[in-house]
Amino acid sequence: MKMTKGRYESEISKAITQWEKDFLGRGSLSVKTDILRDMIIVSLHGVLTQAEYKVCETNEGLLTIKKTRSKLVESGIEALDEIVLSITGEKVKSFHTDLSSRTGERIIIFKLHNDLEKQIIE
C-alpha cells in the first residue's frame, strides 16, 4: 500500500526528531515537513538552547553558534540521507540547511533526483 503525502511528511518529521535526539543529544520543540516537487523541506522550531540564545546576542557569538550547529548537522548527513531514502525510496541529490539565531528555527532542504510529489497519491 502506498503512503499519502501527509503520511510521508509525518514519518520524515518523526525520524528526523529521533535523529536529533540520538545524534545531537536533544530534539527540537516541533518539526514540520513538506514535500514540494523534488524537495523535502523540514522546519525545526526550538532548536537552540537558552544558553545559545544568550551567546547569539553578540554578532561574534551568533556566527559561532551558526557555524558550530551547521557542522554538527552536516557531520550527520549520511544518516539524514538514509532516513529520506528509507522512507521515500528516493536518493538525496543535495542537502541545504540554515539556522535563524533570532527565531531558533532550522530549515533543512533535501533536493531529490526525482519529483517525489508526483509519485505520491493524495
N, C-alpha and C. Protein backbone atom coordinates (compact mmCIF):
# COMPACT_ATOMS: atom_id res chain seq x y z
N MET A 1 0.84 -1.20 0.00
CA MET A 1 0.00 0.00 0.00
C MET A 1 0.88 1.25 0.00
N LYS A 2 0.57 2.18 -0.90
CA LYS A 2 1.34 3.42 -0.96
C LYS A 2 0.89 4.38 0.14
N MET A 3 1.86 5.16 0.65
CA MET A 3 1.53 6.14 1.69
C MET A 3 1.05 7.44 1.04
N THR A 4 0.26 8.19 1.80
CA THR A 4 -0.18 9.50 1.34
C THR A 4 0.94 10.51 1.58
N LYS A 5 0.81 11.67 0.99
CA LYS A 5 1.79 12.73 1.17
C LYS A 5 1.92 13.10 2.64
N GLY A 6 0.80 13.24 3.32
CA GLY A 6 0.80 13.59 4.74
C GLY A 6 1.51 12.54 5.59
N ARG A 7 1.34 11.29 5.22
CA ARG A 7 1.99 10.20 5.96
C ARG A 7 3.51 10.24 5.76
N TYR A 8 3.94 10.45 4.51
CA TYR A 8 5.38 10.59 4.23
C TYR A 8 5.95 11.73 5.08
N GLU A 9 5.27 12.88 5.06
CA GLU A 9 5.75 14.06 5.78
C GLU A 9 5.84 13.78 7.28
N SER A 10 4.83 13.11 7.82
CA SER A 10 4.81 12.78 9.23
C SER A 10 5.94 11.82 9.60
N GLU A 11 6.16 10.79 8.78
CA GLU A 11 7.21 9.80 9.03
C GLU A 11 8.60 10.46 9.00
N ILE A 12 8.81 11.37 8.06
CA ILE A 12 10.09 12.07 7.96
C ILE A 12 10.30 12.95 9.19
N SER A 13 9.26 13.67 9.60
CA SER A 13 9.35 14.51 10.80
C SER A 13 9.73 13.69 12.03
N LYS A 14 9.06 12.55 12.21
CA LYS A 14 9.33 11.69 13.37
C LYS A 14 10.77 11.17 13.33
N ALA A 15 11.21 10.73 12.17
CA ALA A 15 12.56 10.15 12.03
C ALA A 15 13.64 11.21 12.27
N ILE A 16 13.42 12.43 11.79
CA ILE A 16 14.41 13.49 11.98
C ILE A 16 14.45 13.92 13.45
N THR A 17 13.31 13.96 14.10
CA THR A 17 13.26 14.26 15.53
C THR A 17 14.06 13.22 16.32
N GLN A 18 13.87 11.95 15.97
CA GLN A 18 14.61 10.88 16.65
C GLN A 18 16.11 11.00 16.37
N TRP A 19 16.46 11.32 15.12
CA TRP A 19 17.87 11.51 14.75
C TRP A 19 18.48 12.63 15.59
N GLU A 20 17.74 13.74 15.75
CA GLU A 20 18.25 14.85 16.56
C GLU A 20 18.55 14.40 17.99
N LYS A 21 17.63 13.66 18.57
CA LYS A 21 17.81 13.19 19.95
C LYS A 21 19.00 12.24 20.05
N ASP A 22 19.10 11.31 19.11
CA ASP A 22 20.18 10.33 19.14
C ASP A 22 21.54 10.95 18.81
N PHE A 23 21.59 11.81 17.80
CA PHE A 23 22.85 12.32 17.28
C PHE A 23 23.29 13.62 17.96
N LEU A 24 22.35 14.53 18.20
CA LEU A 24 22.69 15.83 18.78
C LEU A 24 22.46 15.90 20.28
N GLY A 25 21.77 14.91 20.82
CA GLY A 25 21.55 14.88 22.26
C GLY A 25 20.25 15.51 22.72
N ARG A 26 19.59 16.24 21.83
CA ARG A 26 18.28 16.82 22.16
C ARG A 26 17.54 17.13 20.86
N GLY A 27 16.22 17.09 20.94
CA GLY A 27 15.42 17.35 19.76
C GLY A 27 14.85 18.76 19.76
N SER A 28 14.37 19.19 18.61
CA SER A 28 13.72 20.49 18.52
C SER A 28 12.34 20.38 19.18
N LEU A 29 11.70 21.51 19.44
CA LEU A 29 10.39 21.51 20.09
C LEU A 29 9.29 21.05 19.14
N SER A 30 9.40 21.40 17.85
CA SER A 30 8.42 20.94 16.87
C SER A 30 9.08 20.83 15.50
N VAL A 31 8.55 19.92 14.69
CA VAL A 31 9.09 19.68 13.35
C VAL A 31 7.92 19.60 12.38
N LYS A 32 8.05 20.25 11.23
CA LYS A 32 7.04 20.20 10.18
C LYS A 32 7.75 19.91 8.87
N THR A 33 7.29 18.91 8.15
CA THR A 33 7.89 18.53 6.88
C THR A 33 6.90 18.75 5.76
N ASP A 34 7.39 19.29 4.65
CA ASP A 34 6.57 19.50 3.45
C ASP A 34 7.30 18.91 2.25
N ILE A 35 6.56 18.18 1.44
CA ILE A 35 7.11 17.66 0.19
C ILE A 35 6.61 18.56 -0.92
N LEU A 36 7.54 19.12 -1.67
CA LEU A 36 7.21 20.02 -2.77
C LEU A 36 8.06 19.64 -3.98
N ARG A 37 7.42 19.15 -5.01
CA ARG A 37 8.10 18.68 -6.22
C ARG A 37 9.24 17.71 -5.85
N ASP A 38 10.49 18.09 -6.16
CA ASP A 38 11.63 17.21 -5.88
C ASP A 38 12.37 17.62 -4.60
N MET A 39 11.64 18.30 -3.69
CA MET A 39 12.27 18.77 -2.45
C MET A 39 11.49 18.29 -1.23
N ILE A 40 12.24 18.02 -0.18
CA ILE A 40 11.63 17.77 1.13
C ILE A 40 12.12 18.91 2.01
N ILE A 41 11.19 19.72 2.49
CA ILE A 41 11.52 20.90 3.29
C ILE A 41 11.11 20.62 4.73
N VAL A 42 12.10 20.69 5.62
CA VAL A 42 11.86 20.39 7.02
C VAL A 42 12.11 21.65 7.85
N SER A 43 11.10 22.08 8.61
CA SER A 43 11.22 23.23 9.51
C SER A 43 11.27 22.72 10.94
N LEU A 44 12.35 23.03 11.63
CA LEU A 44 12.52 22.61 13.01
C LEU A 44 12.49 23.84 13.90
N HIS A 45 11.57 23.88 14.86
CA HIS A 45 11.43 25.03 15.76
C HIS A 45 11.98 24.67 17.14
N GLY A 46 12.58 25.65 17.80
CA GLY A 46 13.10 25.42 19.15
C GLY A 46 14.38 24.63 19.15
N VAL A 47 15.25 24.92 18.20
CA VAL A 47 16.50 24.18 18.04
C VAL A 47 17.55 24.63 19.06
N LEU A 48 17.59 25.93 19.33
CA LEU A 48 18.64 26.47 20.20
C LEU A 48 18.30 26.33 21.69
N THR A 49 19.34 26.19 22.49
CA THR A 49 19.17 26.17 23.95
C THR A 49 19.13 27.61 24.45
N GLN A 50 18.71 27.81 25.68
CA GLN A 50 18.69 29.16 26.26
C GLN A 50 20.10 29.76 26.28
N ALA A 51 21.10 28.93 26.58
CA ALA A 51 22.49 29.41 26.60
C ALA A 51 22.92 29.87 25.21
N GLU A 52 22.50 29.14 24.18
CA GLU A 52 22.86 29.54 22.81
C GLU A 52 22.19 30.85 22.42
N TYR A 53 20.94 31.06 22.82
CA TYR A 53 20.28 32.35 22.57
C TYR A 53 21.10 33.48 23.19
N LYS A 54 21.57 33.26 24.39
CA LYS A 54 22.36 34.27 25.11
C LYS A 54 23.64 34.58 24.33
N VAL A 55 24.33 33.54 23.89
CA VAL A 55 25.57 33.72 23.12
C VAL A 55 25.28 34.46 21.81
N CYS A 56 24.11 34.23 21.22
CA CYS A 56 23.74 34.85 19.94
C CYS A 56 23.45 36.35 20.06
N GLU A 57 23.47 36.88 21.27
CA GLU A 57 23.22 38.31 21.45
C GLU A 57 24.33 39.17 20.85
N THR A 58 25.53 38.60 20.71
CA THR A 58 26.60 39.34 20.04
C THR A 58 26.78 38.77 18.63
N ASN A 59 27.27 39.58 17.72
CA ASN A 59 27.47 39.13 16.34
C ASN A 59 28.47 37.99 16.27
N GLU A 60 29.54 38.09 17.03
CA GLU A 60 30.56 37.04 17.06
C GLU A 60 29.97 35.72 17.58
N GLY A 61 29.18 35.82 18.65
CA GLY A 61 28.54 34.65 19.22
C GLY A 61 27.57 34.01 18.25
N LEU A 62 26.80 34.86 17.57
CA LEU A 62 25.83 34.39 16.58
C LEU A 62 26.52 33.58 15.49
N LEU A 63 27.61 34.11 14.96
CA LEU A 63 28.33 33.42 13.90
C LEU A 63 28.93 32.10 14.39
N THR A 64 29.41 32.10 15.62
CA THR A 64 29.98 30.89 16.21
C THR A 64 28.93 29.80 16.35
N ILE A 65 27.76 30.16 16.89
CA ILE A 65 26.68 29.18 17.07
C ILE A 65 26.21 28.64 15.73
N LYS A 66 25.99 29.52 14.74
CA LYS A 66 25.54 29.08 13.42
C LYS A 66 26.54 28.10 12.81
N LYS A 67 27.83 28.45 12.89
CA LYS A 67 28.88 27.62 12.31
C LYS A 67 28.96 26.26 13.01
N THR A 68 28.94 26.28 14.35
CA THR A 68 29.03 25.04 15.12
C THR A 68 27.82 24.15 14.85
N ARG A 69 26.63 24.72 14.89
CA ARG A 69 25.41 23.94 14.64
C ARG A 69 25.39 23.36 13.22
N SER A 70 25.85 24.14 12.24
CA SER A 70 25.88 23.64 10.87
C SER A 70 26.85 22.47 10.74
N LYS A 71 28.01 22.58 11.37
CA LYS A 71 28.98 21.48 11.32
C LYS A 71 28.42 20.23 11.98
N LEU A 72 27.72 20.40 13.09
CA LEU A 72 27.12 19.25 13.78
C LEU A 72 26.12 18.53 12.88
N VAL A 73 25.23 19.30 12.28
CA VAL A 73 24.19 18.71 11.43
C VAL A 73 24.83 18.07 10.19
N GLU A 74 25.76 18.78 9.56
CA GLU A 74 26.38 18.26 8.35
C GLU A 74 27.24 17.03 8.62
N SER A 75 27.73 16.87 9.84
CA SER A 75 28.51 15.67 10.17
C SER A 75 27.61 14.43 10.24
N GLY A 76 26.31 14.64 10.32
CA GLY A 76 25.36 13.53 10.33
C GLY A 76 24.60 13.36 9.03
N ILE A 77 25.13 13.94 7.95
CA ILE A 77 24.41 13.96 6.68
C ILE A 77 24.13 12.56 6.13
N GLU A 78 25.04 11.61 6.33
CA GLU A 78 24.80 10.26 5.80
C GLU A 78 23.56 9.65 6.43
N ALA A 79 23.40 9.83 7.74
CA ALA A 79 22.23 9.29 8.44
C ALA A 79 20.95 9.98 7.96
N LEU A 80 21.02 11.30 7.73
CA LEU A 80 19.84 12.03 7.25
C LEU A 80 19.46 11.56 5.84
N ASP A 81 20.46 11.39 4.97
CA ASP A 81 20.19 10.88 3.62
C ASP A 81 19.54 9.49 3.69
N GLU A 82 20.01 8.67 4.61
CA GLU A 82 19.48 7.31 4.79
C GLU A 82 18.03 7.34 5.27
N ILE A 83 17.70 8.30 6.15
CA ILE A 83 16.32 8.46 6.62
C ILE A 83 15.41 8.74 5.43
N VAL A 84 15.81 9.70 4.58
CA VAL A 84 15.00 10.06 3.41
C VAL A 84 14.85 8.86 2.48
N LEU A 85 15.96 8.17 2.21
CA LEU A 85 15.93 7.01 1.31
C LEU A 85 15.04 5.89 1.86
N SER A 86 15.16 5.61 3.15
CA SER A 86 14.40 4.50 3.74
C SER A 86 12.89 4.79 3.76
N ILE A 87 12.51 6.05 3.91
CA ILE A 87 11.08 6.38 3.97
C ILE A 87 10.47 6.58 2.58
N THR A 88 11.22 7.27 1.71
CA THR A 88 10.65 7.63 0.40
C THR A 88 11.10 6.73 -0.74
N GLY A 89 12.23 6.05 -0.57
CA GLY A 89 12.79 5.27 -1.67
C GLY A 89 13.57 6.14 -2.65
N GLU A 90 13.73 7.41 -2.31
CA GLU A 90 14.44 8.36 -3.18
C GLU A 90 15.79 8.73 -2.59
N LYS A 91 16.80 8.82 -3.47
CA LYS A 91 18.13 9.25 -3.05
C LYS A 91 18.19 10.78 -3.02
N VAL A 92 18.97 11.30 -2.06
CA VAL A 92 19.15 12.74 -1.92
C VAL A 92 20.24 13.20 -2.88
N LYS A 93 19.91 14.20 -3.68
CA LYS A 93 20.87 14.78 -4.63
C LYS A 93 21.73 15.84 -3.94
N SER A 94 21.09 16.70 -3.13
CA SER A 94 21.83 17.71 -2.38
C SER A 94 21.10 18.06 -1.10
N PHE A 95 21.84 18.67 -0.19
CA PHE A 95 21.35 18.97 1.16
C PHE A 95 21.67 20.42 1.46
N HIS A 96 20.70 21.16 1.97
CA HIS A 96 20.90 22.57 2.31
C HIS A 96 20.29 22.82 3.68
N THR A 97 20.96 23.63 4.49
CA THR A 97 20.41 23.93 5.81
C THR A 97 20.85 25.31 6.26
N ASP A 98 20.00 25.94 7.06
CA ASP A 98 20.36 27.20 7.69
C ASP A 98 19.60 27.30 9.01
N LEU A 99 20.15 28.12 9.89
CA LEU A 99 19.61 28.29 11.23
C LEU A 99 19.39 29.78 11.48
N SER A 100 18.22 30.13 11.99
CA SER A 100 17.96 31.51 12.39
C SER A 100 18.25 31.65 13.87
N SER A 101 19.21 32.50 14.20
CA SER A 101 19.54 32.71 15.61
C SER A 101 18.47 33.57 16.29
N ARG A 102 17.67 34.27 15.49
CA ARG A 102 16.62 35.11 16.05
C ARG A 102 15.42 34.28 16.50
N THR A 103 15.02 33.32 15.66
CA THR A 103 13.83 32.53 15.97
C THR A 103 14.15 31.14 16.53
N GLY A 104 15.41 30.71 16.41
CA GLY A 104 15.77 29.37 16.86
C GLY A 104 15.22 28.29 15.95
N GLU A 105 14.98 28.65 14.70
CA GLU A 105 14.41 27.73 13.72
C GLU A 105 15.49 27.29 12.74
N ARG A 106 15.51 25.99 12.43
CA ARG A 106 16.39 25.46 11.40
C ARG A 106 15.53 25.01 10.23
N ILE A 107 16.00 25.30 9.03
CA ILE A 107 15.35 24.80 7.82
C ILE A 107 16.33 23.83 7.17
N ILE A 108 15.82 22.67 6.81
CA ILE A 108 16.62 21.69 6.06
C ILE A 108 15.88 21.42 4.76
N ILE A 109 16.61 21.46 3.66
CA ILE A 109 16.02 21.11 2.37
C ILE A 109 16.81 19.95 1.78
N PHE A 110 16.09 18.86 1.49
CA PHE A 110 16.67 17.74 0.77
C PHE A 110 16.21 17.85 -0.67
N LYS A 111 17.13 17.98 -1.60
CA LYS A 111 16.80 18.01 -3.02
C LYS A 111 16.98 16.59 -3.54
N LEU A 112 15.95 16.05 -4.16
CA LEU A 112 15.96 14.66 -4.63
C LEU A 112 16.25 14.58 -6.12
N HIS A 113 16.55 13.39 -6.60
CA HIS A 113 16.79 13.18 -8.03
C HIS A 113 15.49 13.20 -8.83
N ASN A 114 14.38 12.83 -8.18
CA ASN A 114 13.09 12.74 -8.87
C ASN A 114 12.02 13.57 -8.16
N ASP A 115 10.94 13.84 -8.88
CA ASP A 115 9.81 14.58 -8.33
C ASP A 115 8.97 13.63 -7.47
N LEU A 116 9.23 13.65 -6.17
CA LEU A 116 8.53 12.76 -5.24
C LEU A 116 7.04 13.10 -5.15
N GLU A 117 6.73 14.39 -5.18
CA GLU A 117 5.33 14.81 -5.04
C GLU A 117 4.45 14.19 -6.13
N LYS A 118 4.96 14.08 -7.37
CA LYS A 118 4.20 13.49 -8.47
C LYS A 118 3.92 12.01 -8.26
N GLN A 119 4.84 11.34 -7.53
CA GLN A 119 4.73 9.89 -7.34
C GLN A 119 3.76 9.50 -6.22
N ILE A 120 3.41 10.47 -5.37
CA ILE A 120 2.61 10.18 -4.18
C ILE A 120 1.12 10.33 -4.47
N ILE A 121 0.36 9.43 -3.90
CA ILE A 121 -1.09 9.56 -4.00
C ILE A 121 -1.58 10.55 -2.94
N GLU A 122 -2.69 11.18 -3.19
CA GLU A 122 -3.24 12.13 -2.20
C GLU A 122 -4.34 11.52 -1.40
